[in-house]
Amino acid sequence: MVKRVVATDDALALIDKLKEKHGPIIFHQSGGCCDGSSPMCYPEGDLIIGNADVLLGEIGGAKFYMHKSQFDYWKHTQLIIDVVDGRGGMFSLEGVEGKRFLTRSRAFTSEELAQLK
């Protein structure tokens, strides 16, 4: 089964750590402004998900959303959530861990796109 969003083992380990500390969490792919274009991690309930947000899937048991206008640009790619050393977005939970989530991507094959429709 083709997934729109996946996570590396390092990202999954950090997600588990954050869930232990904060309880259920969610992700929202930032569209720019203050934190650039990065995956933002919040305690579940701290970010209001609106009608214009698209649920891409789950990583590590955490739902992953993106605004519809951004999805229109990214719909042909699989998001690969990774983690690197450094400070992340100022509003994202992983910042105090000395880590930051990072979005990598790859284009879906035509076969994968057909499966997603």
PDB file of N, CA and C in Angstrom:
ATOM      1  N   MET A   1       0.839  -1.185   0.000  1.00  0.00           N
ATOM      2  CA  MET A   1       0.000   0.000   0.000  1.00  0.00           C
ATOM      3  C   MET A   1       0.883   1.248   0.000  1.00  0.00           C
ATOM      4  N   VAL A   2       0.589   2.170  -0.872  1.00  0.00           N
ATOM      5  CA  VAL A   2       1.341   3.403  -0.989  1.00  0.00           C
ATOM      6  C   VAL A   2       0.882   4.381   0.088  1.00  0.00           C
ATOM      7  N   LYS A   3       1.841   5.011   0.733  1.00  0.00           N
ATOM      8  CA  LYS A   3       1.522   5.996   1.769  1.00  0.00           C
ATOM      9  C   LYS A   3       2.000   7.370   1.319  1.00  0.00           C
ATOM     10  N   ARG A   4       1.219   8.380   1.649  1.00  0.00           N
ATOM     11  CA  ARG A   4       1.597   9.748   1.299  1.00  0.00           C
ATOM     12  C   ARG A   4       2.676  10.292   2.230  1.00  0.00           C
ATOM     13  N   VAL A   5       2.751   9.771   3.443  1.00  0.00           N
ATOM     14  CA  VAL A   5       3.756  10.235   4.395  1.00  0.00           C
ATOM     15  C   VAL A   5       4.312   9.020   5.135  1.00  0.00           C
ATOM     16  N   VAL A   6       5.639   8.980   5.259  1.00  0.00           N
ATOM     17  CA  VAL A   6       6.336   7.928   5.998  1.00  0.00           C
ATOM     18  C   VAL A   6       7.388   8.602   6.868  1.00  0.00           C
ATOM     19  N   ALA A   7       7.992   7.839   7.764  1.00  0.00           N
ATOM     20  CA  ALA A   7       9.020   8.388   8.650  1.00  0.00           C
ATOM     21  C   ALA A   7      10.203   7.437   8.731  1.00  0.00           C
ATOM     22  N   THR A   8      11.373   8.015   8.905  1.00  0.00           N
ATOM     23  CA  THR A   8      12.579   7.214   9.093  1.00  0.00           C
ATOM     24  C   THR A   8      12.575   6.615  10.495  1.00  0.00           C
ATOM     25  N   ASP A   9      13.446   5.640  10.721  1.00  0.00           N
ATOM     26  CA  ASP A   9      13.547   5.032  12.051  1.00  0.00           C
ATOM     27  C   ASP A   9      13.926   6.078  13.107  1.00  0.00           C
ATOM     28  N   ASP A  10      14.827   6.992  12.767  1.00  0.00           N
ATOM     29  CA  ASP A  10      15.219   8.044  13.723  1.00  0.00           C
ATOM     30  C   ASP A  10      14.029   8.940  14.070  1.00  0.00           C
ATOM     31  N   ALA A  11      13.238   9.285  13.068  1.00  0.00           N
ATOM     32  CA  ALA A  11      12.055  10.113  13.318  1.00  0.00           C
ATOM     33  C   ALA A  11      11.050   9.360  14.187  1.00  0.00           C
ATOM     34  N   LEU A  12      10.863   8.076  13.913  1.00  0.00           N
ATOM     35  CA  LEU A  12       9.927   7.276  14.715  1.00  0.00           C
ATOM     36  C   LEU A  12      10.380   7.184  16.168  1.00  0.00           C
ATOM     37  N   ALA A  13      11.685   7.074  16.395  1.00  0.00           N
ATOM     38  CA  ALA A  13      12.204   7.026  17.771  1.00  0.00           C
ATOM     39  C   ALA A  13      11.926   8.343  18.492  1.00  0.00           C
ATOM     40  N   LEU A  14      12.113   9.462  17.809  1.00  0.00           N
ATOM     41  CA  LEU A  14      11.837  10.761  18.429  1.00  0.00           C
ATOM     42  C   LEU A  14      10.341  10.942  18.663  1.00  0.00           C
ATOM     43  N   ILE A  15       9.524  10.479  17.758  1.00  0.00           N
ATOM     44  CA  ILE A  15       8.074  10.545  17.950  1.00  0.00           C
ATOM     45  C   ILE A  15       7.680   9.777  19.209  1.00  0.00           C
ATOM     46  N   ASP A  16       8.233   8.581  19.401  1.00  0.00           N
ATOM     47  CA  ASP A  16       7.936   7.799  20.611  1.00  0.00           C
ATOM     48  C   ASP A  16       8.343   8.557  21.860  1.00  0.00           C
ATOM     49  N   LYS A  17       9.509   9.180  21.828  1.00  0.00           N
ATOM     50  CA  LYS A  17       9.992   9.955  22.980  1.00  0.00           C
ATOM     51  C   LYS A  17       9.060  11.126  23.279  1.00  0.00           C
ATOM     52  N   LEU A  18       8.628  11.816  22.240  1.00  0.00           N
ATOM     53  CA  LEU A  18       7.740  12.963  22.431  1.00  0.00           C
ATOM     54  C   LEU A  18       6.374  12.525  22.954  1.00  0.00           C
ATOM     55  N   LYS A  19       5.877  11.380  22.487  1.00  0.00           N
ATOM     56  CA  LYS A  19       4.593  10.880  22.986  1.00  0.00           C
ATOM     57  C   LYS A  19       4.690  10.484  24.448  1.00  0.00           C
ATOM     58  N   GLU A  20       5.843   9.936  24.858  1.00  0.00           N
ATOM     59  CA  GLU A  20       6.031   9.596  26.274  1.00  0.00           C
ATOM     60  C   GLU A  20       5.982  10.849  27.144  1.00  0.00           C
ATOM     61  N   LYS A  21       6.558  11.939  26.663  1.00  0.00           N
ATOM     62  CA  LYS A  21       6.616  13.183  27.436  1.00  0.00           C
ATOM     63  C   LYS A  21       5.332  14.000  27.371  1.00  0.00           C
ATOM     64  N   HIS A  22       4.660  13.997  26.216  1.00  0.00           N
ATOM     65  CA  HIS A  22       3.555  14.926  25.990  1.00  0.00           C
ATOM     66  C   HIS A  22       2.207  14.269  25.753  1.00  0.00           C
ATOM     67  N   GLY A  23       2.174  12.954  25.671  1.00  0.00           N
ATOM     68  CA  GLY A  23       0.927  12.281  25.336  1.00  0.00           C
ATOM     69  C   GLY A  23       0.722  12.297  23.825  1.00  0.00           C
ATOM     70  N   PRO A  24      -0.519  12.129  23.368  1.00  0.00           N
ATOM     71  CA  PRO A  24      -0.782  12.082  21.929  1.00  0.00           C
ATOM     72  C   PRO A  24      -0.313  13.368  21.231  1.00  0.00           C
ATOM     73  N   ILE A  25       0.252  13.203  20.033  1.00  0.00           N
ATOM     74  CA  ILE A  25       0.753  14.340  19.267  1.00  0.00           C
ATOM     75  C   ILE A  25       0.216  14.282  17.844  1.00  0.00           C
ATOM     76  N   ILE A  26       0.307  15.410  17.158  1.00  0.00           N
ATOM     77  CA  ILE A  26      -0.056  15.486  15.744  1.00  0.00           C
ATOM     78  C   ILE A  26       1.035  16.259  15.012  1.00  0.00           C
ATOM     79  N   PHE A  27       1.030  16.141  13.691  1.00  0.00           N
ATOM     80  CA  PHE A  27       1.941  16.903  12.837  1.00  0.00           C
ATOM     81  C   PHE A  27       1.133  17.728  11.856  1.00  0.00           C
ATOM     82  N   HIS A  28       1.685  18.887  11.524  1.00  0.00           N
ATOM     83  CA  HIS A  28       1.136  19.717  10.456  1.00  0.00           C
ATOM     84  C   HIS A  28       2.311  20.252   9.661  1.00  0.00           C
ATOM     85  N   GLN A  29       2.299  20.001   8.349  1.00  0.00           N
ATOM     86  CA  GLN A  29       3.376  20.494   7.496  1.00  0.00           C
ATOM     87  C   GLN A  29       3.232  21.999   7.352  1.00  0.00           C
ATOM     88  N   SER A  30       4.197  22.735   7.896  1.00  0.00           N
ATOM     89  CA  SER A  30       4.167  24.185   7.843  1.00  0.00           C
ATOM     90  C   SER A  30       4.337  24.658   6.414  1.00  0.00           C
ATOM     91  N   GLY A  31       3.662  25.735   6.084  1.00  0.00           N
ATOM     92  CA  GLY A  31       3.732  26.273   4.731  1.00  0.00           C
ATOM     93  C   GLY A  31       4.653  27.458   4.603  1.00  0.00           C
ATOM     94  N   GLY A  32       5.434  27.743   5.603  1.00  0.00           N
ATOM     95  CA  GLY A  32       6.335  28.881   5.507  1.00  0.00           C
ATOM     96  C   GLY A  32       6.148  29.819   6.674  1.00  0.00           C
ATOM     97  N   CYS A  33       6.257  31.104   6.413  1.00  0.00           N
ATOM     98  CA  CYS A  33       6.140  32.147   7.427  1.00  0.00           C
ATOM     99  C   CYS A  33       7.231  31.983   8.482  1.00  0.00           C
ATOM    100  N   CYS A  34       6.861  31.810   9.714  1.00  0.00           N
ATOM    101  CA  CYS A  34       7.824  31.820  10.824  1.00  0.00           C
ATOM    102  C   CYS A  34       8.799  30.649  10.814  1.00  0.00           C
ATOM    103  N   ASP A  35       8.337  29.486  10.481  1.00  0.00           N
ATOM    104  CA  ASP A  35       9.148  28.285  10.625  1.00  0.00           C
ATOM    105  C   ASP A  35       9.534  27.630   9.308  1.00  0.00           C
ATOM    106  N   GLY A  36       9.447  28.350   8.232  1.00  0.00           N
ATOM    107  CA  GLY A  36       9.816  27.766   6.953  1.00  0.00           C
ATOM    108  C   GLY A  36       8.843  26.667   6.569  1.00  0.00           C
ATOM    109  N   SER A  37       9.291  25.755   5.764  1.00  0.00           N
ATOM    110  CA  SER A  37       8.453  24.645   5.328  1.00  0.00           C
ATOM    111  C   SER A  37       8.933  23.395   6.038  1.00  0.00           C
ATOM    112  N   SER A  38       8.482  23.212   7.253  1.00  0.00           N
ATOM    113  CA  SER A  38       8.933  22.081   8.050  1.00  0.00           C
ATOM    114  C   SER A  38       7.748  21.408   8.725  1.00  0.00           C
ATOM    115  N   PRO A  39       7.917  20.136   9.072  1.00  0.00           N
ATOM    116  CA  PRO A  39       6.844  19.452   9.797  1.00  0.00           C
ATOM    117  C   PRO A  39       6.825  19.938  11.249  1.00  0.00           C
ATOM    118  N   MET A  40       5.695  20.421  11.667  1.00  0.00           N
ATOM    119  CA  MET A  40       5.545  20.938  13.024  1.00  0.00           C
ATOM    120  C   MET A  40       4.811  19.900  13.865  1.00  0.00           C
ATOM    121  N   CYS A  41       5.311  19.680  15.070  1.00  0.00           N
ATOM    122  CA  CYS A  41       4.760  18.675  15.974  1.00  0.00           C
ATOM    123  C   CYS A  41       4.120  19.372  17.170  1.00  0.00           C
ATOM    124  N   TYR A  42       2.872  19.023  17.460  1.00  0.00           N
ATOM    125  CA  TYR A  42       2.115  19.652  18.542  1.00  0.00           C
ATOM    126  C   TYR A  42       1.443  18.588  19.412  1.00  0.00           C
ATOM    127  N   PRO A  43       1.203  18.919  20.680  1.00  0.00           N
ATOM    128  CA  PRO A  43       0.338  18.033  21.462  1.00  0.00           C
ATOM    129  C   PRO A  43      -1.044  18.010  20.803  1.00  0.00           C
ATOM    130  N   GLU A  44      -1.642  16.852  20.755  1.00  0.00           N
ATOM    131  CA  GLU A  44      -2.975  16.747  20.159  1.00  0.00           C
ATOM    132  C   GLU A  44      -3.917  17.714  20.870  1.00  0.00           C
ATOM    133  N   GLY A  45      -4.646  18.496  20.094  1.00  0.00           N
ATOM    134  CA  GLY A  45      -5.573  19.469  20.668  1.00  0.00           C
ATOM    135  C   GLY A  45      -5.020  20.882  20.724  1.00  0.00           C
ATOM    136  N   ASP A  46      -3.715  21.057  20.587  1.00  0.00           N
ATOM    137  CA  ASP A  46      -3.121  22.405  20.628  1.00  0.00           C
ATOM    138  C   ASP A  46      -3.236  23.141  19.304  1.00  0.00           C
ATOM    139  N   LEU A  47      -3.455  22.438  18.227  1.00  0.00           N
ATOM    140  CA  LEU A  47      -3.626  23.057  16.917  1.00  0.00           C
ATOM    141  C   LEU A  47      -5.006  22.672  16.401  1.00  0.00           C
ATOM    142  N   ILE A  48      -5.767  23.662  16.047  1.00  0.00           N
ATOM    143  CA  ILE A  48      -7.101  23.386  15.521  1.00  0.00           C
ATOM    144  C   ILE A  48      -6.980  22.993  14.053  1.00  0.00           C
ATOM    145  N   ILE A  49      -7.450  21.809  13.746  1.00  0.00           N
ATOM    146  CA  ILE A  49      -7.453  21.315  12.374  1.00  0.00           C
ATOM    147  C   ILE A  49      -8.734  21.808  11.718  1.00  0.00           C
ATOM    148  N   GLY A  50      -8.581  22.466  10.567  1.00  0.00           N
ATOM    149  CA  GLY A  50      -9.736  23.049   9.897  1.00  0.00           C
ATOM    150  C   GLY A  50     -10.205  22.244   8.707  1.00  0.00           C
ATOM    151  N   ASN A  51     -11.277  22.704   8.103  1.00  0.00           N
ATOM    152  CA  ASN A  51     -11.846  22.039   6.926  1.00  0.00           C
ATOM    153  C   ASN A  51     -10.901  22.058   5.742  1.00  0.00           C
ATOM    154  N   ALA A  52      -9.951  22.989   5.718  1.00  0.00           N
ATOM    155  CA  ALA A  52      -9.015  23.097   4.600  1.00  0.00           C
ATOM    156  C   ALA A  52      -7.749  22.280   4.823  1.00  0.00           C
ATOM    157  N   ASP A  53      -7.670  21.548   5.933  1.00  0.00           N
ATOM    158  CA  ASP A  53      -6.517  20.697   6.195  1.00  0.00           C
ATOM    159  C   ASP A  53      -6.786  19.283   5.698  1.00  0.00           C
ATOM    160  N   VAL A  54      -5.770  18.687   5.082  1.00  0.00           N
ATOM    161  CA  VAL A  54      -5.860  17.347   4.506  1.00  0.00           C
ATOM    162  C   VAL A  54      -5.081  16.376   5.386  1.00  0.00           C
ATOM    163  N   LEU A  55      -5.698  15.284   5.779  1.00  0.00           N
ATOM    164  CA  LEU A  55      -5.016  14.232   6.526  1.00  0.00           C
ATOM    165  C   LEU A  55      -4.259  13.371   5.525  1.00  0.00           C
ATOM    166  N   LEU A  56      -2.925  13.375   5.616  1.00  0.00           N
ATOM    167  CA  LEU A  56      -2.099  12.592   4.700  1.00  0.00           C
ATOM    168  C   LEU A  56      -1.902  11.164   5.176  1.00  0.00           C
ATOM    169  N   GLY A  57      -1.988  10.955   6.477  1.00  0.00           N
ATOM    170  CA  GLY A  57      -1.764   9.635   7.046  1.00  0.00           C
ATOM    171  C   GLY A  57      -1.262   9.763   8.460  1.00  0.00           C
ATOM    172  N   GLU A  58      -0.603   8.718   8.932  1.00  0.00           N
ATOM    173  CA  GLU A  58      -0.035   8.709  10.285  1.00  0.00           C
ATOM    174  C   GLU A  58       1.406   8.247  10.233  1.00  0.00           C
ATOM    175  N   ILE A  59       2.212   8.808  11.121  1.00  0.00           N
ATOM    176  CA  ILE A  59       3.583   8.336  11.326  1.00  0.00           C
ATOM    177  C   ILE A  59       3.754   8.097  12.810  1.00  0.00           C
ATOM    178  N   GLY A  60       4.169   6.912  13.163  1.00  0.00           N
ATOM    179  CA  GLY A  60       4.349   6.594  14.579  1.00  0.00           C
ATOM    180  C   GLY A  60       3.098   6.760  15.408  1.00  0.00           C
ATOM    181  N   GLY A  61       1.944   6.589  14.786  1.00  0.00           N
ATOM    182  CA  GLY A  61       0.680   6.738  15.500  1.00  0.00           C
ATOM    183  C   GLY A  61       0.221   8.174  15.629  1.00  0.00           C
ATOM    184  N   ALA A  62       0.921   9.117  15.008  1.00  0.00           N
ATOM    185  CA  ALA A  62       0.551  10.539  15.053  1.00  0.00           C
ATOM    186  C   ALA A  62      -0.004  10.955  13.699  1.00  0.00           C
ATOM    187  N   LYS A  63      -1.169  11.572  13.682  1.00  0.00           N
ATOM    188  CA  LYS A  63      -1.767  12.034  12.437  1.00  0.00           C
ATOM    189  C   LYS A  63      -0.925  13.152  11.837  1.00  0.00           C
ATOM    190  N   PHE A  64      -0.872  13.177  10.504  1.00  0.00           N
ATOM    191  CA  PHE A  64      -0.058  14.155   9.784  1.00  0.00           C
ATOM    192  C   PHE A  64      -0.950  14.904   8.795  1.00  0.00           C
ATOM    193  N   TYR A  65      -1.030  16.232   8.957  1.00  0.00           N
ATOM    194  CA  TYR A  65      -1.898  17.079   8.150  1.00  0.00           C
ATOM    195  C   TYR A  65      -1.095  18.076   7.320  1.00  0.00           C
ATOM    196  N   MET A  66      -1.765  18.597   6.297  1.00  0.00           N
ATOM    197  CA  MET A  66      -1.216  19.652   5.461  1.00  0.00           C
ATOM    198  C   MET A  66      -2.402  20.476   4.942  1.00  0.00           C
ATOM    199  N   HIS A  67      -2.194  21.779   4.803  1.00  0.00           N
ATOM    200  CA  HIS A  67      -3.255  22.626   4.259  1.00  0.00           C
ATOM    201  C   HIS A  67      -3.513  22.249   2.799  1.00  0.00           C
ATOM    202  N   LYS A  68      -4.754  22.314   2.389  1.00  0.00           N
ATOM    203  CA  LYS A  68      -5.148  21.911   1.041  1.00  0.00           C
ATOM    204  C   LYS A  68      -4.379  22.660  -0.042  1.00  0.00           C
ATOM    205  N   SER A  69      -4.138  23.941   0.145  1.00  0.00           N
ATOM    206  CA  SER A  69      -3.419  24.702  -0.882  1.00  0.00           C
ATOM    207  C   SER A  69      -2.000  24.175  -1.068  1.00  0.00           C
ATOM    208  N   GLN A  70      -1.370  23.731   0.020  1.00  0.00           N
ATOM    209  CA  GLN A  70      -0.041  23.128  -0.089  1.00  0.00           C
ATOM    210  C   GLN A  70      -0.125  21.735  -0.689  1.00  0.00           C
ATOM    211  N   PHE A  71      -1.148  21.004  -0.313  1.00  0.00           N
ATOM    212  CA  PHE A  71      -1.323  19.650  -0.830  1.00  0.00           C
ATOM    213  C   PHE A  71      -1.400  19.657  -2.355  1.00  0.00           C
ATOM    214  N   ASP A  72      -2.016  20.684  -2.909  1.00  0.00           N
ATOM    215  CA  ASP A  72      -2.111  20.779  -4.370  1.00  0.00           C
ATOM    216  C   ASP A  72      -0.726  20.769  -5.018  1.00  0.00           C
ATOM    217  N   TYR A  73       0.273  21.305  -4.341  1.00  0.00           N
ATOM    218  CA  TYR A  73       1.645  21.310  -4.865  1.00  0.00           C
ATOM    219  C   TYR A  73       2.385  19.999  -4.575  1.00  0.00           C
ATOM    220  N   TRP A  74       2.088  19.376  -3.438  1.00  0.00           N
ATOM    221  CA  TRP A  74       2.825  18.199  -2.971  1.00  0.00           C
ATOM    222  C   TRP A  74       2.152  16.876  -3.302  1.00  0.00           C
ATOM    223  N   LYS A  75       0.973  16.892  -3.909  1.00  0.00           N
ATOM    224  CA  LYS A  75       0.201  15.655  -4.071  1.00  0.00           C
ATOM    225  C   LYS A  75       0.884  14.601  -4.929  1.00  0.00           C
ATOM    226  N   HIS A  76       1.884  14.976  -5.692  1.00  0.00           N
ATOM    227  CA  HIS A  76       2.604  14.026  -6.542  1.00  0.00           C
ATOM    228  C   HIS A  76       3.838  13.453  -5.852  1.00  0.00           C
ATOM    229  N   THR A  77       4.016  13.784  -4.574  1.00  0.00           N
ATOM    230  CA  THR A  77       5.221  13.346  -3.865  1.00  0.00           C
ATOM    231  C   THR A  77       4.871  12.654  -2.558  1.00  0.00           C
ATOM    232  N   GLN A  78       5.756  11.748  -2.178  1.00  0.00           N
ATOM    233  CA  GLN A  78       5.666  11.115  -0.872  1.00  0.00           C
ATOM    234  C   GLN A  78       6.543  11.922   0.076  1.00  0.00           C
ATOM    235  N   LEU A  79       5.993  12.285   1.226  1.00  0.00           N
ATOM    236  CA  LEU A  79       6.770  12.987   2.238  1.00  0.00           C
ATOM    237  C   LEU A  79       7.484  11.959   3.107  1.00  0.00           C
ATOM    238  N   ILE A  80       8.759  12.186   3.317  1.00  0.00           N
ATOM    239  CA  ILE A  80       9.578  11.308   4.154  1.00  0.00           C
ATOM    240  C   ILE A  80      10.061  12.157   5.323  1.00  0.00           C
ATOM    241  N   ILE A  81       9.524  11.899   6.498  1.00  0.00           N
ATOM    242  CA  ILE A  81       9.860  12.700   7.667  1.00  0.00           C
ATOM    243  C   ILE A  81      11.092  12.101   8.323  1.00  0.00           C
ATOM    244  N   ASP A  82      12.102  12.941   8.464  1.00  0.00           N
ATOM    245  CA  ASP A  82      13.379  12.543   9.045  1.00  0.00           C
ATOM    246  C   ASP A  82      13.663  13.461  10.230  1.00  0.00           C
ATOM    247  N   VAL A  83      14.754  13.217  10.904  1.00  0.00           N
ATOM    248  CA  VAL A  83      15.160  14.060  12.026  1.00  0.00           C
ATOM    249  C   VAL A  83      16.659  14.306  11.919  1.00  0.00           C
ATOM    250  N   VAL A  84      17.058  15.536  12.231  1.00  0.00           N
ATOM    251  CA  VAL A  84      18.468  15.916  12.217  1.00  0.00           C
ATOM    252  C   VAL A  84      18.770  16.699  13.496  1.00  0.00           C
ATOM    253  N   ASP A  85      20.052  16.811  13.817  1.00  0.00           N
ATOM    254  CA  ASP A  85      20.455  17.611  14.973  1.00  0.00           C
ATOM    255  C   ASP A  85      20.212  19.088  14.687  1.00  0.00           C
ATOM    256  N   GLY A  86      19.875  19.837  15.718  1.00  0.00           N
ATOM    257  CA  GLY A  86      19.683  21.281  15.591  1.00  0.00           C
ATOM    258  C   GLY A  86      18.336  21.713  16.123  1.00  0.00           C
ATOM    259  N   ARG A  87      18.166  23.009  16.185  1.00  0.00           N
ATOM    260  CA  ARG A  87      16.900  23.575  16.666  1.00  0.00           C
ATOM    261  C   ARG A  87      15.890  23.618  15.539  1.00  0.00           C
ATOM    262  N   GLY A  88      14.696  23.159  15.825  1.00  0.00           N
ATOM    263  CA  GLY A  88      13.630  23.171  14.840  1.00  0.00           C
ATOM    264  C   GLY A  88      12.786  24.413  14.972  1.00  0.00           C
ATOM    265  N   GLY A  89      11.567  24.312  14.488  1.00  0.00           N
ATOM    266  CA  GLY A  89      10.637  25.427  14.575  1.00  0.00           C
ATOM    267  C   GLY A  89      10.351  25.790  16.016  1.00  0.00           C
ATOM    268  N   MET A  90      10.214  27.071  16.253  1.00  0.00           N
ATOM    269  CA  MET A  90      10.059  27.525  17.635  1.00  0.00           C
ATOM    270  C   MET A  90       8.772  27.041  18.282  1.00  0.00           C
ATOM    271  N   PHE A  91       7.810  26.599  17.482  1.00  0.00           N
ATOM    272  CA  PHE A  91       6.549  26.130  18.042  1.00  0.00           C
ATOM    273  C   PHE A  91       6.455  24.608  18.089  1.00  0.00           C
ATOM    274  N   SER A  92       7.437  23.910  17.555  1.00  0.00           N
ATOM    275  CA  SER A  92       7.372  22.465  17.443  1.00  0.00           C
ATOM    276  C   SER A  92       7.993  21.796  18.677  1.00  0.00           C
ATOM    277  N   LEU A  93       7.372  20.701  19.130  1.00  0.00           N
ATOM    278  CA  LEU A  93       7.761  20.045  20.384  1.00  0.00           C
ATOM    279  C   LEU A  93       9.202  19.558  20.442  1.00  0.00           C
ATOM    280  N   GLU A  94       9.788  19.170  19.309  1.00  0.00           N
ATOM    281  CA  GLU A  94      11.112  18.541  19.349  1.00  0.00           C
ATOM    282  C   GLU A  94      12.242  19.530  19.584  1.00  0.00           C
ATOM    283  N   GLY A  95      11.972  20.831  19.516  1.00  0.00           N
ATOM    284  CA  GLY A  95      13.018  21.839  19.638  1.00  0.00           C
ATOM    285  C   GLY A  95      13.871  21.703  20.884  1.00  0.00           C
ATOM    286  N   VAL A  96      13.259  21.414  22.015  1.00  0.00           N
ATOM    287  CA  VAL A  96      14.010  21.311  23.272  1.00  0.00           C
ATOM    288  C   VAL A  96      14.856  20.045  23.355  1.00  0.00           C
ATOM    289  N   GLU A  97      14.651  19.127  22.424  1.00  0.00           N
ATOM    290  CA  GLU A  97      15.413  17.874  22.402  1.00  0.00           C
ATOM    291  C   GLU A  97      16.731  18.027  21.645  1.00  0.00           C
ATOM    292  N   GLY A  98      16.980  19.220  21.060  1.00  0.00           N
ATOM    293  CA  GLY A  98      18.188  19.412  20.259  1.00  0.00           C
ATOM    294  C   GLY A  98      18.093  18.749  18.895  1.00  0.00           C
ATOM    295  N   LYS A  99      16.879  18.444  18.484  1.00  0.00           N
ATOM    296  CA  LYS A  99      16.605  17.790  17.202  1.00  0.00           C
ATOM    297  C   LYS A  99      15.556  18.599  16.461  1.00  0.00           C
ATOM    298  N   ARG A 100      15.461  18.359  15.165  1.00  0.00           N
ATOM    299  CA  ARG A 100      14.366  18.957  14.411  1.00  0.00           C
ATOM    300  C   ARG A 100      13.907  17.988  13.334  1.00  0.00           C
ATOM    301  N   PHE A 101      12.600  17.979  13.138  1.00  0.00           N
ATOM    302  CA  PHE A 101      12.046  17.175  12.064  1.00  0.00           C
ATOM    303  C   PHE A 101      12.306  17.884  10.741  1.00  0.00           C
ATOM    304  N   LEU A 102      12.493  17.098   9.705  1.00  0.00           N
ATOM    305  CA  LEU A 102      12.808  17.601   8.378  1.00  0.00           C
ATOM    306  C   LEU A 102      12.007  16.803   7.361  1.00  0.00           C
ATOM    307  N   THR A 103      11.444  17.495   6.378  1.00  0.00           N
ATOM    308  CA  THR A 103      10.696  16.812   5.326  1.00  0.00           C
ATOM    309  C   THR A 103      11.572  16.615   4.105  1.00  0.00           C
ATOM    310  N   ARG A 104      11.703  15.380   3.709  1.00  0.00           N
ATOM    311  CA  ARG A 104      12.331  15.035   2.435  1.00  0.00           C
ATOM    312  C   ARG A 104      11.187  14.535   1.557  1.00  0.00           C
ATOM    313  N   SER A 105      11.420  14.422   0.280  1.00  0.00           N
ATOM    314  CA  SER A 105      10.336  13.945  -0.570  1.00  0.00           C
ATOM    315  C   SER A 105      10.882  13.210  -1.783  1.00  0.00           C
ATOM    316  N   ARG A 106       9.998  12.456  -2.381  1.00  0.00           N
ATOM    317  CA  ARG A 106      10.311  11.794  -3.647  1.00  0.00           C
ATOM    318  C   ARG A 106       9.032  11.765  -4.468  1.00  0.00           C
ATOM    319  N   ALA A 107       9.186  11.826  -5.775  1.00  0.00           N
ATOM    320  CA  ALA A 107       8.018  11.787  -6.652  1.00  0.00           C
ATOM    321  C   ALA A 107       7.451  10.376  -6.697  1.00  0.00           C
ATOM    322  N   PHE A 108       6.135  10.284  -6.659  1.00  0.00           N
ATOM    323  CA  PHE A 108       5.483   8.995  -6.830  1.00  0.00           C
ATOM    324  C   PHE A 108       5.674   8.522  -8.267  1.00  0.00           C
ATOM    325  N   THR A 109       5.756   7.226  -8.447  1.00  0.00           N
ATOM    326  CA  THR A 109       5.745   6.654  -9.795  1.00  0.00           C
ATOM    327  C   THR A 109       4.314   6.759 -10.323  1.00  0.00           C
ATOM    328  N   SER A 110       4.130   6.599 -11.605  1.00  0.00           N
ATOM    329  CA  SER A 110       2.785   6.645 -12.185  1.00  0.00           C
ATOM    330  C   SER A 110       1.921   5.516 -11.621  1.00  0.00           C
ATOM    331  N   GLU A 111       2.532   4.361 -11.329  1.00  0.00           N
ATOM    332  CA  GLU A 111       1.786   3.245 -10.741  1.00  0.00           C
ATOM    333  C   GLU A 111       1.310   3.595  -9.332  1.00  0.00           C
ATOM    334  N   GLU A 112       2.181   4.229  -8.569  1.00  0.00           N
ATOM    335  CA  GLU A 112       1.798   4.629  -7.210  1.00  0.00           C
ATOM    336  C   GLU A 112       0.684   5.678  -7.240  1.00  0.00           C
ATOM    337  N   LEU A 113       0.778   6.624  -8.135  1.00  0.00           N
ATOM    338  CA  LEU A 113      -0.273   7.641  -8.247  1.00  0.00           C
ATOM    339  C   LEU A 113      -1.606   7.001  -8.589  1.00  0.00           C
ATOM    340  N   ALA A 114      -1.593   6.010  -9.455  1.00  0.00           N
ATOM    341  CA  ALA A 114      -2.834   5.316  -9.807  1.00  0.00           C
ATOM    342  C   ALA A 114      -3.438   4.635  -8.587  1.00  0.00           C
ATOM    343  N   GLN A 115      -2.598   4.077  -7.702  1.00  0.00           N
ATOM    344  CA  GLN A 115      -3.080   3.422  -6.491  1.00  0.00           C
ATOM    345  C   GLN A 115      -3.695   4.428  -5.521  1.00  0.00           C
ATOM    346  N   LEU A 116      -3.170   5.648  -5.508  1.00  0.00           N
ATOM    347  CA  LEU A 116      -3.657   6.667  -4.577  1.00  0.00           C
ATOM    348  C   LEU A 116      -5.010   7.247  -4.969  1.00  0.00           C
ATOM    349  N   LYS A 117      -5.378   7.099  -6.243  1.00  0.00           N
ATOM    350  CA  LYS A 117      -6.642   7.706  -6.712  1.00  0.00           C
ATOM    351  C   LYS A 117      -7.839   6.937  -6.287  1.00  0.00           C
TER     352      LYS A 117
END
